[in-house]
Amino acid sequence: MDLGSEPVVVRTAPALSPKSPPNYPDLCGRRRLQHEVQILNREIGFLEVNSFFFLTLQVLDFVTFLLGIVLLVFDELLLVMLFIS
């Protein structure tokens, strides 16, 4: 049993190379859920912008209504002042 006479063979694993994603399905649905979250985030942003626009229009309508009332009262005051003088 002479160790020097037998060749020593060392096996190594093949070199790693980049691979494409595996072909098995996404069992947990992670990619699908991420896509749904992105869609919901876009819809939330859209609704935030639209709700801000809608509230702005409501405030403008209210201010216009109040301004109309103030102008009517001012016109009545002017008429009263013209009759008095």
N, C-alpha and C. Protein backbone atom coordinates (compact mmCIF):
# COMPACT_ATOMS: atom_id res chain seq x y z
N MET A 1 0.83 -1.16 0.00
CA MET A 1 0.00 0.00 0.00
C MET A 1 0.89 1.24 0.00
N ASP A 2 1.35 1.55 -1.16
CA ASP A 2 2.25 2.68 -1.31
C ASP A 2 1.43 3.88 -1.80
N LEU A 3 1.36 4.92 -1.01
CA LEU A 3 0.54 6.07 -1.36
C LEU A 3 1.15 6.89 -2.48
N GLY A 4 2.40 6.83 -2.68
CA GLY A 4 3.05 7.62 -3.70
C GLY A 4 2.82 7.10 -5.10
N SER A 5 2.47 5.81 -5.26
CA SER A 5 2.34 5.24 -6.58
C SER A 5 0.95 5.42 -7.20
N GLU A 6 -0.07 5.63 -6.40
CA GLU A 6 -1.43 5.79 -6.94
C GLU A 6 -1.70 7.27 -7.21
N PRO A 7 -2.27 7.61 -8.38
CA PRO A 7 -2.61 9.02 -8.64
C PRO A 7 -3.82 9.46 -7.81
N VAL A 8 -3.79 10.66 -7.35
CA VAL A 8 -4.88 11.22 -6.55
C VAL A 8 -5.77 12.04 -7.48
N VAL A 9 -7.03 11.69 -7.53
CA VAL A 9 -7.99 12.40 -8.37
C VAL A 9 -8.90 13.25 -7.48
N VAL A 10 -8.91 14.52 -7.72
CA VAL A 10 -9.77 15.43 -6.97
C VAL A 10 -10.85 15.93 -7.92
N ARG A 11 -12.07 15.69 -7.53
CA ARG A 11 -13.18 16.15 -8.38
C ARG A 11 -13.68 17.50 -7.88
N THR A 12 -13.87 18.42 -8.79
CA THR A 12 -14.38 19.74 -8.44
C THR A 12 -15.70 19.97 -9.14
N ALA A 13 -16.51 20.83 -8.58
CA ALA A 13 -17.80 21.16 -9.18
C ALA A 13 -17.55 22.03 -10.41
N PRO A 14 -18.42 21.94 -11.40
CA PRO A 14 -18.24 22.80 -12.57
C PRO A 14 -18.40 24.28 -12.18
N ALA A 15 -17.75 25.14 -12.93
CA ALA A 15 -17.80 26.57 -12.65
C ALA A 15 -19.23 27.08 -12.80
N LEU A 16 -19.61 27.96 -11.89
CA LEU A 16 -20.96 28.52 -11.93
C LEU A 16 -21.06 29.53 -13.06
N SER A 17 -22.19 29.52 -13.73
CA SER A 17 -22.43 30.49 -14.80
C SER A 17 -23.82 31.08 -14.59
N PRO A 18 -24.03 32.32 -15.02
CA PRO A 18 -25.35 32.94 -14.85
C PRO A 18 -26.41 32.15 -15.60
N LYS A 19 -27.57 32.04 -14.97
CA LYS A 19 -28.67 31.30 -15.59
C LYS A 19 -29.90 32.18 -15.65
N SER A 20 -30.79 31.82 -16.53
CA SER A 20 -32.06 32.52 -16.59
C SER A 20 -32.92 32.05 -15.42
N PRO A 21 -34.00 32.77 -15.12
CA PRO A 21 -34.86 32.35 -14.01
C PRO A 21 -35.36 30.93 -14.22
N PRO A 22 -35.63 30.24 -13.14
CA PRO A 22 -36.09 28.86 -13.28
C PRO A 22 -37.44 28.78 -14.01
N ASN A 23 -37.69 27.66 -14.60
CA ASN A 23 -38.91 27.51 -15.38
C ASN A 23 -40.09 27.03 -14.55
N TYR A 24 -39.91 26.84 -13.26
CA TYR A 24 -41.03 26.39 -12.44
C TYR A 24 -41.94 27.57 -12.10
N PRO A 25 -43.20 27.31 -11.84
CA PRO A 25 -44.14 28.42 -11.57
C PRO A 25 -43.87 29.06 -10.21
N ASP A 26 -44.32 30.29 -10.09
CA ASP A 26 -44.19 31.02 -8.84
C ASP A 26 -45.30 30.54 -7.91
N LEU A 27 -44.97 29.53 -7.07
CA LEU A 27 -46.00 28.89 -6.26
C LEU A 27 -46.60 29.82 -5.22
N CYS A 28 -45.83 30.72 -4.67
CA CYS A 28 -46.35 31.63 -3.66
C CYS A 28 -47.05 32.82 -4.28
N GLY A 29 -46.89 33.04 -5.56
CA GLY A 29 -47.54 34.17 -6.23
C GLY A 29 -46.91 35.50 -5.89
N ARG A 30 -45.62 35.50 -5.55
CA ARG A 30 -44.96 36.74 -5.14
C ARG A 30 -44.98 37.79 -6.23
N ARG A 31 -44.64 37.39 -7.45
CA ARG A 31 -44.62 38.37 -8.55
C ARG A 31 -46.02 38.90 -8.84
N ARG A 32 -47.00 38.03 -8.80
CA ARG A 32 -48.38 38.44 -9.05
C ARG A 32 -48.83 39.42 -7.96
N LEU A 33 -48.50 39.12 -6.70
CA LEU A 33 -48.89 40.00 -5.61
C LEU A 33 -48.17 41.35 -5.70
N GLN A 34 -46.89 41.34 -6.09
CA GLN A 34 -46.18 42.60 -6.26
C GLN A 34 -46.82 43.44 -7.36
N HIS A 35 -47.25 42.80 -8.43
CA HIS A 35 -47.91 43.51 -9.51
C HIS A 35 -49.23 44.10 -9.04
N GLU A 36 -50.00 43.35 -8.26
CA GLU A 36 -51.26 43.86 -7.74
C GLU A 36 -51.04 45.04 -6.80
N VAL A 37 -49.98 44.98 -5.99
CA VAL A 37 -49.67 46.09 -5.09
C VAL A 37 -49.31 47.34 -5.90
N GLN A 38 -48.54 47.17 -6.98
CA GLN A 38 -48.22 48.32 -7.83
C GLN A 38 -49.48 48.93 -8.43
N ILE A 39 -50.40 48.08 -8.89
CA ILE A 39 -51.65 48.59 -9.47
C ILE A 39 -52.45 49.36 -8.41
N LEU A 40 -52.55 48.80 -7.20
CA LEU A 40 -53.29 49.47 -6.13
C LEU A 40 -52.64 50.80 -5.76
N ASN A 41 -51.30 50.86 -5.73
CA ASN A 41 -50.63 52.12 -5.43
C ASN A 41 -50.93 53.17 -6.49
N ARG A 42 -50.96 52.76 -7.75
CA ARG A 42 -51.31 53.72 -8.82
C ARG A 42 -52.73 54.22 -8.66
N GLU A 43 -53.67 53.31 -8.33
CA GLU A 43 -55.06 53.72 -8.16
C GLU A 43 -55.22 54.65 -6.97
N ILE A 44 -54.48 54.39 -5.88
CA ILE A 44 -54.54 55.26 -4.71
C ILE A 44 -54.04 56.66 -5.07
N GLY A 45 -52.93 56.72 -5.79
CA GLY A 45 -52.42 58.02 -6.22
C GLY A 45 -53.40 58.76 -7.11
N PHE A 46 -54.04 58.02 -8.02
CA PHE A 46 -55.04 58.63 -8.90
C PHE A 46 -56.21 59.17 -8.09
N LEU A 47 -56.68 58.40 -7.12
CA LEU A 47 -57.81 58.84 -6.30
C LEU A 47 -57.43 60.03 -5.42
N GLU A 48 -56.19 60.06 -4.92
CA GLU A 48 -55.76 61.20 -4.11
C GLU A 48 -55.77 62.47 -4.93
N VAL A 49 -55.27 62.40 -6.15
CA VAL A 49 -55.24 63.59 -7.02
C VAL A 49 -56.66 64.02 -7.35
N ASN A 50 -57.52 63.05 -7.70
CA ASN A 50 -58.90 63.39 -8.06
C ASN A 50 -59.68 63.92 -6.87
N SER A 51 -59.47 63.35 -5.67
CA SER A 51 -60.19 63.84 -4.50
C SER A 51 -59.75 65.26 -4.16
N PHE A 52 -58.45 65.55 -4.30
CA PHE A 52 -57.98 66.91 -4.06
C PHE A 52 -58.62 67.88 -5.05
N PHE A 53 -58.69 67.48 -6.31
CA PHE A 53 -59.31 68.33 -7.33
C PHE A 53 -60.79 68.53 -7.02
N PHE A 54 -61.49 67.45 -6.63
CA PHE A 54 -62.91 67.54 -6.32
C PHE A 54 -63.15 68.45 -5.12
N LEU A 55 -62.32 68.31 -4.06
CA LEU A 55 -62.48 69.16 -2.89
C LEU A 55 -62.19 70.62 -3.22
N THR A 56 -61.20 70.85 -4.08
CA THR A 56 -60.90 72.22 -4.49
C THR A 56 -62.09 72.83 -5.22
N LEU A 57 -62.73 72.06 -6.09
CA LEU A 57 -63.90 72.57 -6.79
C LEU A 57 -65.04 72.86 -5.82
N GLN A 58 -65.22 72.03 -4.81
CA GLN A 58 -66.28 72.26 -3.83
C GLN A 58 -66.00 73.54 -3.05
N VAL A 59 -64.76 73.76 -2.66
CA VAL A 59 -64.41 74.98 -1.93
C VAL A 59 -64.64 76.20 -2.81
N LEU A 60 -64.24 76.11 -4.07
CA LEU A 60 -64.45 77.25 -4.98
C LEU A 60 -65.93 77.53 -5.17
N ASP A 61 -66.75 76.49 -5.30
CA ASP A 61 -68.20 76.69 -5.41
C ASP A 61 -68.76 77.37 -4.17
N PHE A 62 -68.30 76.95 -2.99
CA PHE A 62 -68.78 77.54 -1.74
C PHE A 62 -68.37 79.00 -1.63
N VAL A 63 -67.13 79.31 -1.99
CA VAL A 63 -66.64 80.69 -1.93
C VAL A 63 -67.40 81.56 -2.92
N THR A 64 -67.67 81.01 -4.11
CA THR A 64 -68.44 81.77 -5.10
C THR A 64 -69.85 82.04 -4.60
N PHE A 65 -70.45 81.06 -3.95
CA PHE A 65 -71.79 81.23 -3.38
C PHE A 65 -71.79 82.33 -2.32
N LEU A 66 -70.79 82.29 -1.42
CA LEU A 66 -70.71 83.32 -0.38
C LEU A 66 -70.45 84.69 -0.99
N LEU A 67 -69.61 84.75 -2.00
CA LEU A 67 -69.33 86.02 -2.65
C LEU A 67 -70.60 86.59 -3.30
N GLY A 68 -71.39 85.71 -3.89
CA GLY A 68 -72.67 86.16 -4.47
C GLY A 68 -73.59 86.75 -3.42
N ILE A 69 -73.66 86.12 -2.25
CA ILE A 69 -74.50 86.64 -1.17
C ILE A 69 -73.97 87.99 -0.69
N VAL A 70 -72.66 88.10 -0.53
CA VAL A 70 -72.06 89.36 -0.08
C VAL A 70 -72.35 90.47 -1.09
N LEU A 71 -72.26 90.17 -2.38
CA LEU A 71 -72.54 91.19 -3.40
C LEU A 71 -74.01 91.61 -3.38
N LEU A 72 -74.91 90.66 -3.17
CA LEU A 72 -76.33 91.02 -3.06
C LEU A 72 -76.58 91.93 -1.88
N VAL A 73 -75.99 91.63 -0.73
CA VAL A 73 -76.16 92.46 0.47
C VAL A 73 -75.55 93.83 0.23
N PHE A 74 -74.39 93.86 -0.40
CA PHE A 74 -73.75 95.15 -0.68
C PHE A 74 -74.60 96.00 -1.62
N ASP A 75 -75.20 95.37 -2.65
CA ASP A 75 -76.08 96.11 -3.56
C ASP A 75 -77.29 96.67 -2.83
N GLU A 76 -77.86 95.87 -1.92
CA GLU A 76 -79.01 96.35 -1.13
C GLU A 76 -78.62 97.52 -0.25
N LEU A 77 -77.43 97.45 0.33
CA LEU A 77 -76.95 98.56 1.18
C LEU A 77 -76.76 99.82 0.34
N LEU A 78 -76.23 99.66 -0.88
CA LEU A 78 -76.05 100.82 -1.74
C LEU A 78 -77.40 101.44 -2.10
N LEU A 79 -78.39 100.61 -2.41
CA LEU A 79 -79.73 101.13 -2.72
C LEU A 79 -80.32 101.86 -1.54
N VAL A 80 -80.17 101.32 -0.34
CA VAL A 80 -80.69 101.96 0.86
C VAL A 80 -79.98 103.28 1.07
N MET A 81 -78.68 103.31 0.87
CA MET A 81 -77.94 104.56 1.07
C MET A 81 -78.35 105.61 0.03
N LEU A 82 -78.66 105.19 -1.20
CA LEU A 82 -79.08 106.14 -2.25
C LEU A 82 -80.45 106.73 -1.90
N PHE A 83 -81.34 105.90 -1.35
CA PHE A 83 -82.67 106.44 -0.97
C PHE A 83 -82.59 107.37 0.20
N ILE A 84 -81.65 107.11 1.11
CA ILE A 84 -81.54 107.96 2.29
C ILE A 84 -80.94 109.31 1.91
N SER A 85 -79.98 109.35 1.03
CA SER A 85 -79.33 110.62 0.73
C SER A 85 -80.05 111.39 -0.33
